[in-house]
Amino acid sequence: MSQTCPVAFVMTRLPARQQPRLTHIKRAMHSFASVVSAIAFSTLIPVAAQTADPADTEALIARLNEQREALATMQQEQGTFGQNSDDMLALLQSLTETLLLARAEGEALDALNQQLQIIKVHDGLYSEAQIPVLLQIVDVLAGQRQWEEVSDRLDYIHWMLPRTPEMPLETKLTVLQQTDERLRFALLHGPRDREARYLLQLREQREQALELALDAGNTEQIDALQYDLALAELYIGLAMVTTTDTSQALINEEHGIPSTTPLRPLQRITSVSDLETMYGSRTTTVIERAHRSAMTRHYQLIEEIGERQSEEPEVQAMLKLYLGDSVLLRQQYELRTGTLISDARGSNNIGSAATYYRDAWTLFKEAGYSDSELNAYFACPALLPLQTLSLELKTGNSHCEITGEDALMTINNVVMTEGALPAFAYEEMPQTLREMTTNGVKTLLEFRIGVNGQAENIDIIDATPDTTGARIQGRDALRSLQFRPVLIDGEAQRRQNVRLTLISLNQD
């Protein structure tokens, strides 16, 4: 990543990294309300394309043919000059919607590109009116699994936003939220050889969103946006300790070192010894430094959120929880020398995270919570990282159920993609993108959660399909998850008889 002059923020800073500020260029504007409305509508298209009623197929075909004929007639009557008229744009928009309903994605993509051309002619090469169309194009490309094109289009949107200075902050943040969702979908379903690029794009876009909010002094959104950025740093930090090309690419980015020699065919890395044999004796040190640097940025971003908050005990207690989770995640995903990386990671105990959890417990009691209330809430292990920032303890929202004489604990279902990054599950993904997923396996697992928050003694109760491969896929997916352990009186405890239904979607 190129280095530019750092941006000085009034309220906070982005630790250990430098922020680019792009030159603003004034451009012709469309109605902001129509742009926001179109952006919202663009996310509905993939659902519509999958929910067309077969009984209406004949009517849909008739409508499609009618619109095609109308478009051909208009093109013939208006000639070359009329190709860019408002009437042509309106007809193309209607045709695109019908094509998507008919699942004719290729023709829909052509119609969307024609719309894009008309908008550029009317409003300029970089007008923000392109954004809703670009988002629809990204959705179609993602449906066709054209991941390189997806990445390029999202980069273009990201590049355009600083060049529209008159666009309201809320509109820009809405656009960045939409591109964020699509990047996360690409991370879950795109090819693994593009993971590093998607992760860096995700971080850059979240940095841009935070910078916009800071410049506008939008205090209501700054904390949530900064936490989103902290999660992006977390994903990068965890990816650095995987045994994939993603790790190597991110470490190279972190340290500014040239790419090393790729693996020979059929050569696999399964242990720290393998890493050092392939890349040299200092390899593990390089990985640990890169991992700790990213995790330190994650920790610092959360810490800075706390510096802006009130001194109310409950608020500070919640922040202690988040900081403890950050420390626990760093410790438990660190390389464990001399063992298989995929099966054994981190430490057997909770480590220094215990101090944060004890401090949080004390602060919760100062806020008026009793030990019985806290024990009831923290009897449920929490899947980490928490996907949203909350500064109050929501005791009414339980994420597990305890039943029977044997106190069987059932945790809420988890959906993830096979081989996805650690901690990168489907939580907080929009329903529209959930419905674009591929097939996978469903496994019911019973296990013990240790004091370190990892699953132990895993027993596979059921699998769909019930095959050895499906059972292994479910088991491996569970091993990659990290929980905040059960806390009783502020201390981490082992918990037997935990059940979880895990859906592991097949990688594209």
Protein backbone atom coordinates (compact mmCIF):
# COMPACT_ATOMS: atom_id res chain seq x y z
CA MET A 1 0.00 0.00 0.00
CA SER A 2 1.35 3.37 -0.92
CA GLN A 3 2.29 5.71 1.91
CA THR A 4 1.01 9.25 2.00
CA CYS A 5 0.94 12.05 4.53
CA PRO A 6 -1.06 11.09 7.62
CA VAL A 7 -4.35 12.79 8.36
CA ALA A 8 -4.68 14.44 11.76
CA PHE A 9 -8.03 13.61 13.36
CA VAL A 10 -9.55 15.89 15.94
CA MET A 11 -11.18 13.17 18.06
CA THR A 12 -9.06 10.08 17.46
CA ARG A 13 -6.36 8.55 15.33
CA LEU A 14 -5.93 5.31 13.43
CA PRO A 15 -3.05 3.56 15.21
CA ALA A 16 0.10 2.47 13.43
CA ARG A 17 -1.21 3.25 9.95
CA GLN A 18 -1.36 6.27 7.67
CA GLN A 19 -4.52 7.62 6.07
CA PRO A 20 -4.83 8.96 2.53
CA ARG A 21 -6.98 11.98 1.89
CA LEU A 22 -8.07 12.26 -1.74
CA THR A 23 -8.65 15.53 -3.59
CA HIS A 24 -12.29 16.54 -3.83
CA ILE A 25 -13.57 17.36 -7.34
CA LYS A 26 -16.88 19.11 -7.87
CA ARG A 27 -19.32 17.25 -10.12
CA ALA A 28 -22.90 17.50 -11.39
CA MET A 29 -25.43 16.21 -8.87
CA HIS A 30 -28.61 14.13 -8.97
CA SER A 31 -31.32 14.16 -6.32
CA PHE A 32 -29.76 12.74 -3.14
CA ALA A 33 -33.10 11.24 -2.11
CA SER A 34 -33.35 9.35 -5.40
CA VAL A 35 -29.76 8.10 -5.07
CA VAL A 36 -30.34 6.75 -1.54
CA SER A 37 -33.64 5.17 -2.64
CA ALA A 38 -31.96 3.51 -5.60
CA ILE A 39 -29.14 2.21 -3.40
CA ALA A 40 -31.65 0.63 -1.06
CA PHE A 41 -33.57 -0.88 -4.01
CA SER A 42 -30.43 -2.36 -5.53
CA THR A 43 -30.10 -4.78 -2.60
CA LEU A 44 -33.55 -6.24 -3.30
CA ILE A 45 -32.76 -7.40 -6.82
CA PRO A 46 -30.97 -10.66 -5.90
CA VAL A 47 -33.94 -11.77 -3.79
CA ALA A 48 -36.42 -10.93 -6.53
CA ALA A 49 -34.33 -12.92 -8.98
CA GLN A 50 -34.61 -16.00 -6.76
CA THR A 51 -38.25 -15.77 -5.74
CA ALA A 52 -40.06 -15.50 -9.11
CA ASP A 53 -43.23 -17.64 -8.99
CA PRO A 54 -43.09 -20.40 -11.66
CA ALA A 55 -46.83 -19.87 -12.29
CA ASP A 56 -46.06 -16.38 -13.57
CA THR A 57 -43.38 -17.54 -16.01
CA GLU A 58 -45.52 -17.09 -19.11
CA ALA A 59 -46.52 -13.55 -18.12
CA LEU A 60 -42.91 -12.75 -17.29
CA ILE A 61 -41.72 -13.93 -20.71
CA ALA A 62 -44.43 -11.89 -22.43
CA ARG A 63 -43.43 -8.77 -20.50
CA LEU A 64 -39.77 -9.37 -21.26
CA ASN A 65 -40.39 -9.75 -24.98
CA GLU A 66 -42.54 -6.64 -24.99
CA GLN A 67 -39.79 -4.60 -23.34
CA ARG A 68 -37.16 -5.98 -25.69
CA GLU A 69 -39.27 -4.98 -28.69
CA ALA A 70 -39.88 -1.53 -27.23
CA LEU A 71 -36.14 -1.07 -26.71
CA ALA A 72 -35.35 -2.19 -30.28
CA THR A 73 -38.00 0.17 -31.67
CA MET A 74 -36.68 3.12 -29.66
CA GLN A 75 -33.11 2.42 -30.76
CA GLN A 76 -34.21 2.31 -34.40
CA GLU A 77 -36.36 5.44 -34.22
CA GLN A 78 -34.00 7.64 -32.21
CA GLY A 79 -30.77 6.68 -33.95
CA THR A 80 -27.34 7.22 -32.46
CA PHE A 81 -28.25 10.52 -30.76
CA GLY A 82 -31.23 9.02 -28.97
CA GLN A 83 -29.22 6.20 -27.46
CA ASN A 84 -28.54 8.38 -24.42
CA SER A 85 -32.00 9.84 -23.84
CA ASP A 86 -33.90 9.79 -20.54
CA ASP A 87 -36.58 7.63 -22.17
CA MET A 88 -33.94 5.08 -23.10
CA LEU A 89 -32.63 5.09 -19.52
CA ALA A 90 -36.11 4.52 -18.06
CA LEU A 91 -36.77 1.65 -20.45
CA LEU A 92 -33.43 0.03 -19.66
CA GLN A 93 -34.18 0.25 -15.94
CA SER A 94 -37.51 -1.56 -16.40
CA LEU A 95 -35.91 -4.13 -18.68
CA THR A 96 -33.13 -4.80 -16.15
CA GLU A 97 -35.63 -5.53 -13.39
CA THR A 98 -37.52 -7.97 -15.61
CA LEU A 99 -34.31 -9.68 -16.79
CA LEU A 100 -33.24 -10.26 -13.21
CA LEU A 101 -36.62 -11.72 -12.37
CA ALA A 102 -36.17 -14.02 -15.36
CA ARG A 103 -32.65 -14.91 -14.18
CA ALA A 104 -31.13 -13.62 -17.42
CA GLU A 105 -28.10 -12.19 -15.62
CA GLY A 106 -25.90 -11.86 -18.69
CA GLU A 107 -28.39 -9.72 -20.60
CA ALA A 108 -29.16 -7.78 -17.40
CA LEU A 109 -25.47 -6.97 -17.07
CA ASP A 110 -25.44 -5.55 -20.60
CA ALA A 111 -28.50 -3.40 -19.80
CA LEU A 112 -26.89 -2.13 -16.59
CA ASN A 113 -23.71 -1.18 -18.44
CA GLN A 114 -25.82 0.74 -20.97
CA GLN A 115 -27.48 2.62 -18.10
CA LEU A 116 -24.06 3.44 -16.74
CA GLN A 117 -23.00 4.88 -20.09
CA ILE A 118 -26.11 7.08 -20.33
CA ILE A 119 -25.58 8.44 -16.81
CA LYS A 120 -21.96 9.29 -17.60
CA VAL A 121 -23.06 11.19 -20.74
CA HIS A 122 -25.76 13.12 -18.85
CA ASP A 123 -24.06 13.78 -15.53
CA GLY A 124 -20.32 13.37 -16.04
CA LEU A 125 -17.79 10.58 -15.81
CA TYR A 126 -17.74 10.54 -11.99
CA SER A 127 -21.33 11.43 -11.05
CA GLU A 128 -22.74 9.79 -7.92
CA ALA A 129 -25.86 8.78 -9.85
CA GLN A 130 -23.77 5.85 -11.12
CA ILE A 131 -23.50 4.31 -7.66
CA PRO A 132 -26.89 2.51 -7.49
CA VAL A 133 -26.25 1.03 -10.93
CA LEU A 134 -22.72 0.00 -9.96
CA LEU A 135 -24.07 -1.77 -6.85
CA GLN A 136 -26.54 -3.69 -9.00
CA ILE A 137 -23.71 -4.63 -11.36
CA VAL A 138 -21.69 -5.90 -8.39
CA ASP A 139 -24.64 -8.06 -7.28
CA VAL A 140 -25.00 -9.61 -10.74
CA LEU A 141 -21.24 -10.20 -11.01
CA ALA A 142 -21.19 -11.82 -7.57
CA GLY A 143 -24.07 -14.07 -8.62
CA GLN A 144 -21.97 -15.12 -11.63
CA ARG A 145 -18.89 -15.50 -9.39
CA GLN A 146 -16.87 -12.99 -11.41
CA TRP A 147 -14.84 -12.03 -8.36
CA GLU A 148 -12.13 -9.96 -10.03
CA GLU A 149 -14.79 -7.74 -11.62
CA VAL A 150 -16.56 -7.48 -8.25
CA SER A 151 -13.38 -6.22 -6.63
CA ASP A 152 -12.67 -3.73 -9.43
CA ARG A 153 -16.17 -2.24 -9.30
CA LEU A 154 -16.05 -1.87 -5.52
CA ASP A 155 -12.66 -0.18 -5.83
CA TYR A 156 -14.17 2.25 -8.33
CA ILE A 157 -17.02 3.17 -5.97
CA HIS A 158 -14.54 3.62 -3.13
CA TRP A 159 -12.44 5.89 -5.38
CA MET A 160 -15.45 7.96 -6.48
CA LEU A 161 -16.80 8.92 -3.06
CA PRO A 162 -14.13 11.49 -2.07
CA ARG A 163 -14.71 13.14 -5.46
CA THR A 164 -18.33 14.01 -4.65
CA PRO A 165 -17.93 16.71 -1.98
CA GLU A 166 -21.57 17.84 -2.18
CA MET A 167 -22.98 14.39 -1.41
CA PRO A 168 -24.36 14.36 2.16
CA LEU A 169 -22.48 12.38 4.79
CA GLU A 170 -25.41 10.03 5.38
CA THR A 171 -25.54 9.13 1.69
CA LYS A 172 -21.82 8.38 1.57
CA LEU A 173 -22.03 6.23 4.70
CA THR A 174 -24.99 4.36 3.18
CA VAL A 175 -22.95 3.64 0.07
CA LEU A 176 -19.98 2.43 2.15
CA GLN A 177 -22.28 0.18 4.17
CA GLN A 178 -23.51 -1.40 0.93
CA THR A 179 -19.99 -1.94 -0.41
CA ASP A 180 -18.95 -3.31 2.99
CA GLU A 181 -21.69 -5.96 2.82
CA ARG A 182 -20.62 -7.00 -0.65
CA LEU A 183 -16.96 -7.26 0.37
CA ARG A 184 -17.88 -9.49 3.30
CA PHE A 185 -19.92 -11.67 0.95
CA ALA A 186 -16.90 -11.90 -1.38
CA LEU A 187 -14.74 -12.91 1.60
CA LEU A 188 -17.15 -15.70 2.44
CA HIS A 189 -17.64 -17.01 -1.09
CA GLY A 190 -14.88 -15.65 -3.29
CA PRO A 191 -11.68 -17.49 -4.20
CA ARG A 192 -9.10 -17.84 -1.46
CA ASP A 193 -6.38 -16.36 -3.66
CA ARG A 194 -8.17 -13.00 -3.46
CA GLU A 195 -8.75 -13.01 0.30
CA ALA A 196 -5.86 -10.70 1.11
CA ARG A 197 -7.08 -8.11 -1.39
CA TYR A 198 -10.63 -8.25 -0.05
CA LEU A 199 -9.40 -7.86 3.54
CA LEU A 200 -7.30 -4.83 2.66
CA GLN A 201 -10.22 -3.35 0.70
CA LEU A 202 -12.48 -3.90 3.71
CA ARG A 203 -10.05 -2.08 5.99
CA GLU A 204 -9.62 0.81 3.55
CA GLN A 205 -13.36 1.29 3.14
CA ARG A 206 -13.95 1.21 6.89
CA GLU A 207 -11.13 3.73 7.36
CA GLN A 208 -12.84 5.95 4.81
CA ALA A 209 -16.20 5.67 6.59
CA LEU A 210 -14.62 6.56 9.94
CA GLU A 211 -12.74 9.48 8.42
CA LEU A 212 -15.98 10.86 6.94
CA ALA A 213 -17.74 10.67 10.31
CA LEU A 214 -14.78 12.24 12.12
CA ASP A 215 -14.53 15.12 9.65
CA ALA A 216 -18.26 15.80 10.04
CA GLY A 217 -18.13 15.50 13.83
CA ASN A 218 -20.86 12.86 13.69
CA THR A 219 -20.43 11.57 17.24
CA GLU A 220 -23.46 9.25 17.04
CA GLN A 221 -21.81 7.04 14.42
CA ILE A 222 -18.10 7.35 15.20
CA ASP A 223 -18.00 4.62 17.88
CA ALA A 224 -19.81 2.03 15.74
CA LEU A 225 -17.67 2.82 12.68
CA GLN A 226 -14.48 2.63 14.71
CA TYR A 227 -15.51 -0.76 16.07
CA ASP A 228 -16.14 -1.94 12.49
CA LEU A 229 -12.60 -0.85 11.64
CA ALA A 230 -11.30 -2.71 14.70
CA LEU A 231 -12.99 -5.87 13.37
CA ALA A 232 -11.29 -5.41 10.00
CA GLU A 233 -7.92 -5.25 11.78
CA LEU A 234 -8.89 -8.36 13.73
CA TYR A 235 -9.71 -10.32 10.57
CA ILE A 236 -6.34 -9.33 9.09
CA GLY A 237 -4.53 -10.33 12.29
CA LEU A 238 -6.21 -13.74 12.40
CA ALA A 239 -5.63 -14.35 8.70
CA MET A 240 -1.91 -13.86 9.27
CA VAL A 241 -1.67 -17.03 11.36
CA THR A 242 -3.48 -19.29 8.88
CA THR A 243 -1.60 -21.73 6.63
CA THR A 244 -2.68 -20.07 3.37
CA ASP A 245 -1.31 -17.71 0.74
CA THR A 246 -3.50 -15.04 2.35
CA SER A 247 -1.21 -15.09 5.38
CA GLN A 248 1.91 -14.59 3.29
CA ALA A 249 0.37 -11.73 1.29
CA LEU A 250 -0.79 -9.89 4.43
CA ILE A 251 2.53 -10.35 6.22
CA ASN A 252 4.32 -8.99 3.16
CA GLU A 253 1.96 -5.99 3.25
CA GLU A 254 2.55 -5.47 6.97
CA HIS A 255 6.34 -5.60 6.80
CA GLY A 256 6.84 -4.29 3.28
CA ILE A 257 8.87 -7.34 2.29
CA PRO A 258 8.95 -8.92 -1.19
CA SER A 259 7.00 -12.07 -1.90
CA THR A 260 8.81 -15.28 -1.11
CA THR A 261 9.12 -18.35 -3.27
CA PRO A 262 5.75 -20.11 -3.65
CA LEU A 263 5.23 -23.65 -2.40
CA ARG A 264 6.26 -26.51 -4.62
CA PRO A 265 3.39 -28.64 -6.02
CA LEU A 266 1.78 -30.89 -3.41
CA GLN A 267 3.85 -29.38 -0.59
CA ARG A 268 1.75 -28.65 2.50
CA ILE A 269 2.43 -26.62 5.63
CA THR A 270 0.94 -28.15 8.76
CA SER A 271 3.35 -27.17 11.51
CA VAL A 272 5.70 -24.44 12.63
CA SER A 273 8.57 -26.78 11.72
CA ASP A 274 7.27 -26.90 8.13
CA LEU A 275 7.12 -23.11 8.02
CA GLU A 276 10.70 -22.73 9.18
CA THR A 277 11.94 -25.44 6.81
CA MET A 278 10.33 -23.66 3.86
CA TYR A 279 10.96 -20.00 4.69
CA GLY A 280 13.78 -19.94 7.22
CA SER A 281 14.32 -20.08 10.98
CA ARG A 282 12.97 -16.58 11.62
CA THR A 283 9.64 -17.22 9.89
CA THR A 284 7.65 -17.70 13.08
CA THR A 285 9.05 -14.46 14.49
CA VAL A 286 7.89 -12.58 11.40
CA ILE A 287 4.42 -14.12 11.63
CA GLU A 288 4.12 -13.37 15.35
CA ARG A 289 5.20 -9.73 14.88
CA ALA A 290 2.72 -9.19 12.06
CA HIS A 291 -0.08 -10.89 13.99
CA ARG A 292 0.62 -8.90 17.15
CA SER A 293 0.81 -5.62 15.21
CA ALA A 294 -2.65 -6.13 13.69
CA MET A 295 -4.13 -7.33 16.99
CA THR A 296 -2.59 -4.34 18.78
CA ARG A 297 -4.35 -2.01 16.34
CA HIS A 298 -7.58 -3.88 17.06
CA TYR A 299 -7.06 -3.42 20.81
CA GLN A 300 -6.10 0.26 20.50
CA LEU A 301 -9.14 1.14 18.41
CA ILE A 302 -11.43 -0.33 21.10
CA GLU A 303 -9.41 1.37 23.82
CA GLU A 304 -9.87 4.74 22.09
CA ILE A 305 -13.63 4.19 21.97
CA GLY A 306 -13.48 3.88 25.76
CA GLU A 307 -11.58 7.15 26.10
CA ARG A 308 -14.55 8.98 24.57
CA GLN A 309 -17.15 7.40 26.85
CA SER A 310 -18.59 8.46 30.18
CA GLU A 311 -17.27 7.04 33.44
CA GLU A 312 -20.52 5.18 34.12
CA PRO A 313 -19.62 1.75 35.56
CA GLU A 314 -21.77 -0.25 33.09
CA VAL A 315 -20.23 1.49 30.06
CA GLN A 316 -16.71 0.92 31.33
CA ALA A 317 -17.56 -2.69 32.22
CA MET A 318 -18.70 -3.38 28.66
CA LEU A 319 -15.49 -1.89 27.31
CA LYS A 320 -13.48 -4.12 29.66
CA LEU A 321 -15.33 -7.10 28.15
CA TYR A 322 -14.43 -6.05 24.60
CA LEU A 323 -10.80 -5.47 25.57
CA GLY A 324 -10.68 -8.85 27.32
CA ASP A 325 -12.13 -10.47 24.21
CA SER A 326 -9.42 -8.78 22.10
CA VAL A 327 -6.66 -10.13 24.33
CA LEU A 328 -8.23 -13.60 24.38
CA LEU A 329 -8.52 -13.69 20.57
CA ARG A 330 -4.88 -12.66 20.17
CA GLN A 331 -3.67 -15.30 22.62
CA GLN A 332 -5.82 -18.15 21.35
CA TYR A 333 -4.98 -17.71 17.66
CA GLU A 334 -1.23 -17.41 18.20
CA LEU A 335 0.95 -20.17 16.79
CA ARG A 336 1.64 -23.01 19.19
CA THR A 337 5.19 -24.13 18.51
CA GLY A 338 5.68 -27.80 17.67
CA THR A 339 2.02 -28.72 17.14
CA LEU A 340 -0.38 -28.85 14.23
CA ILE A 341 -1.60 -25.31 13.57
CA SER A 342 -5.03 -26.43 12.35
CA ASP A 343 -5.85 -28.52 15.43
CA ALA A 344 -4.02 -26.88 18.32
CA ARG A 345 -3.66 -23.16 18.79
CA GLY A 346 -3.14 -20.63 21.51
CA SER A 347 -2.96 -21.53 25.18
CA ASN A 348 -4.71 -24.06 27.43
CA ASN A 349 -5.76 -21.30 29.83
CA ILE A 350 -7.44 -17.93 29.62
CA GLY A 351 -4.25 -15.98 30.23
CA SER A 352 -4.25 -12.24 30.87
CA ALA A 353 -7.81 -11.87 29.54
CA ALA A 354 -8.93 -13.07 32.98
CA THR A 355 -7.94 -9.71 34.52
CA TYR A 356 -10.21 -7.81 32.13
CA TYR A 357 -13.15 -10.09 32.87
CA ARG A 358 -12.67 -9.73 36.63
CA ASP A 359 -12.51 -5.94 36.31
CA ALA A 360 -15.67 -5.97 34.16
CA TRP A 361 -17.45 -8.05 36.81
CA THR A 362 -16.53 -5.57 39.52
CA LEU A 363 -17.78 -2.65 37.43
CA PHE A 364 -21.06 -4.43 36.64
CA LYS A 365 -21.67 -4.86 40.37
CA GLU A 366 -20.95 -1.16 40.88
CA ALA A 367 -23.59 -0.49 38.21
CA GLY A 368 -26.17 -2.34 40.32
CA TYR A 369 -26.13 -5.88 38.91
CA SER A 370 -26.18 -8.76 41.40
CA ASP A 371 -23.95 -11.82 41.22
CA SER A 372 -26.97 -14.00 40.40
CA GLU A 373 -27.95 -11.76 37.46
CA LEU A 374 -24.41 -11.75 36.12
CA ASN A 375 -23.93 -15.49 36.60
CA ALA A 376 -27.16 -16.15 34.70
CA TYR A 377 -26.09 -13.93 31.79
CA PHE A 378 -22.49 -15.14 31.55
CA ALA A 379 -23.51 -18.80 31.89
CA CYS A 380 -23.75 -18.66 28.07
CA PRO A 381 -20.43 -18.66 26.22
CA ALA A 382 -20.28 -15.91 23.59
CA LEU A 383 -19.03 -16.51 20.04
CA LEU A 384 -16.18 -14.09 19.34
CA PRO A 385 -15.73 -11.55 18.04
CA LEU A 386 -18.97 -9.77 18.90
CA GLN A 387 -20.13 -8.30 15.60
CA THR A 388 -21.62 -5.08 16.97
CA LEU A 389 -20.65 -2.57 19.66
CA SER A 390 -22.97 -2.30 22.64
CA LEU A 391 -22.26 -0.27 25.77
CA GLU A 392 -24.99 -1.77 27.92
CA LEU A 393 -25.52 -5.30 29.19
CA LYS A 394 -28.64 -6.70 27.50
CA THR A 395 -29.55 -9.32 30.07
CA GLY A 396 -32.87 -10.07 28.35
CA ASN A 397 -31.16 -11.34 25.18
CA SER A 398 -29.90 -14.84 25.90
CA HIS A 399 -27.86 -16.56 23.21
CA CYS A 400 -28.22 -20.04 24.71
CA GLU A 401 -30.83 -22.27 26.35
CA ILE A 402 -30.23 -24.61 29.31
CA THR A 403 -32.65 -27.55 29.65
CA GLY A 404 -33.05 -30.95 31.35
CA GLU A 405 -31.59 -32.53 34.44
CA ASP A 406 -28.17 -32.75 32.82
CA ALA A 407 -28.26 -28.97 32.20
CA LEU A 408 -27.77 -29.40 28.44
CA MET A 409 -26.78 -26.05 26.95
CA THR A 410 -27.86 -25.28 23.37
CA ILE A 411 -26.12 -22.34 21.68
CA ASN A 412 -27.70 -20.39 18.83
CA ASN A 413 -26.97 -21.78 15.37
CA VAL A 414 -23.79 -20.66 13.59
CA VAL A 415 -23.52 -20.26 9.80
CA MET A 416 -20.10 -20.00 8.18
CA THR A 417 -18.26 -20.96 4.98
CA GLU A 418 -15.91 -23.93 4.76
CA GLY A 419 -12.32 -22.78 5.05
CA ALA A 420 -13.31 -19.17 5.78
CA LEU A 421 -11.19 -16.91 7.94
CA PRO A 422 -11.29 -17.58 11.69
CA ALA A 423 -14.08 -15.64 13.41
CA PHE A 424 -15.64 -14.60 10.08
CA ALA A 425 -19.18 -16.00 10.34
CA TYR A 426 -22.50 -14.94 8.85
CA GLU A 427 -23.57 -12.80 11.78
CA GLU A 428 -24.93 -9.40 10.74
CA MET A 429 -24.97 -10.35 7.03
CA PRO A 430 -28.05 -8.98 5.22
CA GLN A 431 -30.78 -11.48 4.37
CA THR A 432 -30.41 -10.65 0.66
CA LEU A 433 -26.83 -11.91 0.69
CA ARG A 434 -27.62 -14.91 2.87
CA GLU A 435 -30.01 -16.10 0.16
CA MET A 436 -27.26 -16.03 -2.48
CA THR A 437 -25.32 -18.78 -0.69
CA THR A 438 -24.31 -22.22 -1.92
CA ASN A 439 -25.05 -25.64 -0.48
CA GLY A 440 -23.20 -27.05 2.49
CA VAL A 441 -23.42 -29.41 5.46
CA LYS A 442 -25.37 -29.20 8.70
CA THR A 443 -23.95 -30.81 11.81
CA LEU A 444 -25.19 -31.11 15.39
CA LEU A 445 -22.21 -31.18 17.74
CA GLU A 446 -21.88 -31.77 21.46
CA PHE A 447 -18.70 -30.64 23.17
CA ARG A 448 -17.06 -29.01 26.15
CA ILE A 449 -15.92 -25.38 26.20
CA GLY A 450 -12.64 -25.04 28.05
CA VAL A 451 -11.52 -22.13 30.20
CA ASN A 452 -9.66 -20.88 27.12
CA GLY A 453 -12.91 -20.62 25.14
CA GLN A 454 -12.08 -23.41 22.68
CA ALA A 455 -14.22 -26.46 21.91
CA GLU A 456 -12.93 -29.71 23.40
CA ASN A 457 -14.05 -33.38 23.39
CA ILE A 458 -16.19 -32.88 20.29
CA ASP A 459 -18.89 -35.48 19.62
CA ILE A 460 -20.78 -35.32 16.31
CA ILE A 461 -24.41 -36.18 17.10
CA ASP A 462 -25.85 -35.82 13.60
CA ALA A 463 -24.85 -34.60 10.14
CA THR A 464 -26.73 -33.75 6.95
CA PRO A 465 -25.73 -35.33 4.66
CA ASP A 466 -24.63 -38.09 7.02
CA THR A 467 -21.22 -38.77 5.48
CA THR A 468 -17.70 -38.91 6.88
CA GLY A 469 -16.75 -35.81 4.88
CA ALA A 470 -19.70 -33.82 6.24
CA ARG A 471 -18.85 -34.81 9.82
CA ILE A 472 -15.21 -33.81 9.37
CA GLN A 473 -16.23 -30.50 7.81
CA GLY A 474 -18.52 -29.71 10.76
CA ARG A 475 -15.89 -30.72 13.33
CA ASP A 476 -13.17 -28.63 11.68
CA ALA A 477 -15.48 -25.64 11.46
CA LEU A 478 -16.21 -25.86 15.19
CA ARG A 479 -12.49 -26.10 16.02
CA SER A 480 -11.89 -22.83 14.19
CA LEU A 481 -14.37 -20.94 16.40
CA GLN A 482 -13.39 -19.01 19.51
CA PHE A 483 -15.77 -18.36 22.42
CA ARG A 484 -15.64 -16.19 25.49
CA PRO A 485 -15.81 -18.92 28.15
CA VAL A 486 -18.49 -19.25 30.77
CA LEU A 487 -17.89 -16.76 33.60
CA ILE A 488 -19.02 -17.56 37.15
CA ASP A 489 -18.33 -14.86 39.75
CA GLY A 490 -16.02 -13.30 37.21
CA GLU A 491 -13.86 -16.41 36.72
CA ALA A 492 -13.65 -18.58 33.60
CA GLN A 493 -15.14 -22.06 34.00
CA ARG A 494 -15.27 -25.20 31.86
CA ARG A 495 -18.73 -26.10 30.60
CA GLN A 496 -19.80 -29.65 29.72
CA ASN A 497 -22.81 -30.70 27.62
CA VAL A 498 -22.79 -27.83 25.12
CA ARG A 499 -24.65 -28.35 21.86
CA LEU A 500 -24.46 -26.32 18.67
CA THR A 501 -25.96 -26.70 15.22
CA LEU A 502 -23.33 -25.53 12.74
CA ILE A 503 -24.02 -24.92 9.06
CA SER A 504 -20.82 -24.98 7.03
CA LEU A 505 -21.46 -23.75 3.49
CA ASN A 506 -19.36 -25.13 0.67
CA GLN A 507 -16.72 -22.83 -0.74
CA ASP A 508 -17.40 -21.79 -4.36
